[in-house]
């Protein structure tokens, strides 16, 4: 079965960086696009970044362009989200996502940006 396990969240100060990881299993990872979403308290879940199956194409929400970078290692079945210059408004639970006949989600990892 499809499993997505996020890690790397935490509490950081504004301007600092974090790298999130999502380890995938249960499907042929290199065939599928992968995405990161986030959900802040009281808000809807929103797309943060996506990456094509071989990593050649990426897309980002306007709010994170120039600060976040999505990448993947198909040999390790892992997708990453490098988050730089973090802002308090980046505080949210971050989820890894794959669409394989239906959407699958990990359990999420909390990112808190606060001074």
C-alpha atoms as a PDB file:
ATOM      1  CA  UNK A   1       0.000   0.000   0.000  1.00  0.00           C
ATOM      2  CA  UNK A   2       1.048   3.580  -0.587  1.00  0.00           C
ATOM      3  CA  UNK A   3       2.840   5.140   2.343  1.00  0.00           C
ATOM      4  CA  UNK A   4       4.216   8.650   2.652  1.00  0.00           C
ATOM      5  CA  UNK A   5       6.208   9.585   5.741  1.00  0.00           C
ATOM      6  CA  UNK A   6       7.220  13.203   6.269  1.00  0.00           C
ATOM      7  CA  UNK A   7       9.991  14.371   8.563  1.00  0.00           C
ATOM      8  CA  UNK A   8      12.124  17.411   9.241  1.00  0.00           C
ATOM      9  CA  UNK A   9       9.658  19.868  10.700  1.00  0.00           C
ATOM     10  CA  UNK A  10      10.309  21.914  13.796  1.00  0.00           C
ATOM     11  CA  UNK A  11      10.388  25.302  15.457  1.00  0.00           C
ATOM     12  CA  UNK A  12      12.626  27.919  13.856  1.00  0.00           C
ATOM     13  CA  UNK A  13      13.046  31.660  13.965  1.00  0.00           C
ATOM     14  CA  UNK A  14      12.157  33.941  11.052  1.00  0.00           C
ATOM     15  CA  UNK A  15      14.860  33.907   8.406  1.00  0.00           C
ATOM     16  CA  UNK A  16      16.066  30.418   9.227  1.00  0.00           C
ATOM     17  CA  UNK A  17      15.873  27.294   7.081  1.00  0.00           C
ATOM     18  CA  UNK A  18      14.446  23.793   7.274  1.00  0.00           C
ATOM     19  CA  UNK A  19      14.544  20.807   4.965  1.00  0.00           C
ATOM     20  CA  UNK A  20      11.564  18.504   4.891  1.00  0.00           C
ATOM     21  CA  UNK A  21      11.772  14.948   3.621  1.00  0.00           C
ATOM     22  CA  UNK A  22       9.074  12.560   2.482  1.00  0.00           C
ATOM     23  CA  UNK A  23       9.905   8.870   2.198  1.00  0.00           C
ATOM     24  CA  UNK A  24       7.570   7.045  -0.166  1.00  0.00           C
ATOM     25  CA  UNK A  25       6.797   3.361  -0.539  1.00  0.00           C
ATOM     26  CA  UNK A  26       4.206   1.056  -2.040  1.00  0.00           C
ATOM     27  CA  UNK A  27       4.349   2.409  -5.586  1.00  0.00           C
ATOM     28  CA  UNK A  28       6.824   3.022  -8.389  1.00  0.00           C
ATOM     29  CA  UNK A  29       8.092   6.370  -7.159  1.00  0.00           C
ATOM     30  CA  UNK A  30       9.910   7.416 -10.331  1.00  0.00           C
ATOM     31  CA  UNK A  31       6.692   7.277 -12.359  1.00  0.00           C
ATOM     32  CA  UNK A  32       4.726   9.849 -10.384  1.00  0.00           C
ATOM     33  CA  UNK A  33       4.754  13.571  -9.825  1.00  0.00           C
ATOM     34  CA  UNK A  34       5.040  14.504  -6.177  1.00  0.00           C
ATOM     35  CA  UNK A  35       3.789  17.549  -4.310  1.00  0.00           C
ATOM     36  CA  UNK A  36       4.046  19.337  -1.000  1.00  0.00           C
ATOM     37  CA  UNK A  37       0.974  20.970   0.517  1.00  0.00           C
ATOM     38  CA  UNK A  38       0.496  22.857   3.745  1.00  0.00           C
ATOM     39  CA  UNK A  39      -2.385  23.690   6.027  1.00  0.00           C
ATOM     40  CA  UNK A  40      -2.314  26.507   8.531  1.00  0.00           C
ATOM     41  CA  UNK A  41      -4.778  26.666  11.437  1.00  0.00           C
ATOM     42  CA  UNK A  42      -8.186  27.770  10.233  1.00  0.00           C
ATOM     43  CA  UNK A  43      -7.165  27.713   6.589  1.00  0.00           C
ATOM     44  CA  UNK A  44      -7.629  25.338   3.706  1.00  0.00           C
ATOM     45  CA  UNK A  45      -4.846  23.053   2.563  1.00  0.00           C
ATOM     46  CA  UNK A  46      -2.842  24.702  -0.203  1.00  0.00           C
ATOM     47  CA  UNK A  47      -0.324  23.543  -2.773  1.00  0.00           C
ATOM     48  CA  UNK A  48       3.213  24.668  -1.962  1.00  0.00           C
ATOM     49  CA  UNK A  49       5.309  22.981  -4.655  1.00  0.00           C
ATOM     50  CA  UNK A  50       5.230  20.157  -7.171  1.00  0.00           C
ATOM     51  CA  UNK A  51       7.843  18.205  -9.101  1.00  0.00           C
ATOM     52  CA  UNK A  52       7.586  16.005 -12.165  1.00  0.00           C
ATOM     53  CA  UNK A  53       8.491  12.324 -12.048  1.00  0.00           C
ATOM     54  CA  UNK A  54      12.082  12.792 -13.188  1.00  0.00           C
ATOM     55  CA  UNK A  55      12.518  16.141 -11.486  1.00  0.00           C
ATOM     56  CA  UNK A  56      12.834  18.159 -14.667  1.00  0.00           C
ATOM     57  CA  UNK A  57       9.841  20.382 -13.999  1.00  0.00           C
ATOM     58  CA  UNK A  58       8.808  22.129 -10.826  1.00  0.00           C
ATOM     59  CA  UNK A  59       6.134  24.600  -9.817  1.00  0.00           C
ATOM     60  CA  UNK A  60       5.668  26.757  -6.734  1.00  0.00           C
ATOM     61  CA  UNK A  61       3.033  28.810  -5.016  1.00  0.00           C
ATOM     62  CA  UNK A  62       3.696  32.502  -5.502  1.00  0.00           C
ATOM     63  CA  UNK A  63       4.119  32.916  -1.759  1.00  0.00           C
ATOM     64  CA  UNK A  64       7.182  30.640  -1.667  1.00  0.00           C
ATOM     65  CA  UNK A  65       8.855  31.310  -5.022  1.00  0.00           C
ATOM     66  CA  UNK A  66      12.517  32.151  -4.592  1.00  0.00           C
ATOM     67  CA  UNK A  67      12.575  30.816  -1.019  1.00  0.00           C
ATOM     68  CA  UNK A  68      11.580  27.144  -1.298  1.00  0.00           C
ATOM     69  CA  UNK A  69      13.046  24.440  -3.497  1.00  0.00           C
ATOM     70  CA  UNK A  70      11.508  21.038  -4.198  1.00  0.00           C
ATOM     71  CA  UNK A  71      13.694  18.157  -5.287  1.00  0.00           C
ATOM     72  CA  UNK A  72      13.623  14.371  -5.401  1.00  0.00           C
ATOM     73  CA  UNK A  73      15.929  11.395  -5.268  1.00  0.00           C
ATOM     74  CA  UNK A  74      14.339   8.551  -7.185  1.00  0.00           C
ATOM     75  CA  UNK A  75      17.011   6.133  -5.998  1.00  0.00           C
ATOM     76  CA  UNK A  76      15.898   6.794  -2.419  1.00  0.00           C
ATOM     77  CA  UNK A  77      12.163   7.177  -3.131  1.00  0.00           C
ATOM     78  CA  UNK A  78      12.299  10.506  -1.353  1.00  0.00           C
ATOM     79  CA  UNK A  79      11.093  14.010  -2.124  1.00  0.00           C
ATOM     80  CA  UNK A  80      12.466  17.047  -0.343  1.00  0.00           C
ATOM     81  CA  UNK A  81      11.383  20.590   0.372  1.00  0.00           C
ATOM     82  CA  UNK A  82      14.180  23.011   1.186  1.00  0.00           C
ATOM     83  CA  UNK A  83      12.683  26.032   2.893  1.00  0.00           C
ATOM     84  CA  UNK A  84      14.821  29.146   3.255  1.00  0.00           C
ATOM     85  CA  UNK A  85      14.117  32.624   4.627  1.00  0.00           C
ATOM     86  CA  UNK A  86      11.190  31.254   6.583  1.00  0.00           C
ATOM     87  CA  UNK A  87       8.449  33.642   7.650  1.00  0.00           C
ATOM     88  CA  UNK A  88       5.830  33.375  10.399  1.00  0.00           C
ATOM     89  CA  UNK A  89       3.185  32.952   7.696  1.00  0.00           C
ATOM     90  CA  UNK A  90       4.901  29.723   6.638  1.00  0.00           C
ATOM     91  CA  UNK A  91       3.743  28.162   9.897  1.00  0.00           C
ATOM     92  CA  UNK A  92       1.616  25.145   9.010  1.00  0.00           C
ATOM     93  CA  UNK A  93       1.473  21.390   8.888  1.00  0.00           C
ATOM     94  CA  UNK A  94       3.252  20.288   5.720  1.00  0.00           C
ATOM     95  CA  UNK A  95       2.032  17.251   3.822  1.00  0.00           C
ATOM     96  CA  UNK A  96       3.533  15.134   1.088  1.00  0.00           C
ATOM     97  CA  UNK A  97       1.155  14.101  -1.687  1.00  0.00           C
ATOM     98  CA  UNK A  98       0.962  11.741  -4.629  1.00  0.00           C
ATOM     99  CA  UNK A  99      -1.986  11.187  -6.939  1.00  0.00           C
ATOM    100  CA  UNK A 100      -2.181   7.547  -7.962  1.00  0.00           C
ATOM    101  CA  UNK A 101      -5.778   6.850  -8.933  1.00  0.00           C
ATOM    102  CA  UNK A 102      -6.604   8.937  -5.894  1.00  0.00           C
ATOM    103  CA  UNK A 103      -4.784  11.351  -3.639  1.00  0.00           C
ATOM    104  CA  UNK A 104      -2.558   9.928  -0.928  1.00  0.00           C
ATOM    105  CA  UNK A 105      -1.263  11.956   1.985  1.00  0.00           C
ATOM    106  CA  UNK A 106       1.324  11.530   4.675  1.00  0.00           C
ATOM    107  CA  UNK A 107       0.655  12.251   8.338  1.00  0.00           C
ATOM    108  CA  UNK A 108       2.176  15.703   8.051  1.00  0.00           C
ATOM    109  CA  UNK A 109       5.026  17.471   9.801  1.00  0.00           C
ATOM    110  CA  UNK A 110       4.604  20.653  11.808  1.00  0.00           C
ATOM    111  CA  UNK A 111       6.619  23.721  10.853  1.00  0.00           C
ATOM    112  CA  UNK A 112       6.469  26.658  13.238  1.00  0.00           C
ATOM    113  CA  UNK A 113       8.222  29.929  12.473  1.00  0.00           C
ATOM    114  CA  UNK A 114       8.288  32.218  15.464  1.00  0.00           C
ATOM    115  CA  UNK A 115      10.622  34.513  17.320  1.00  0.00           C
END
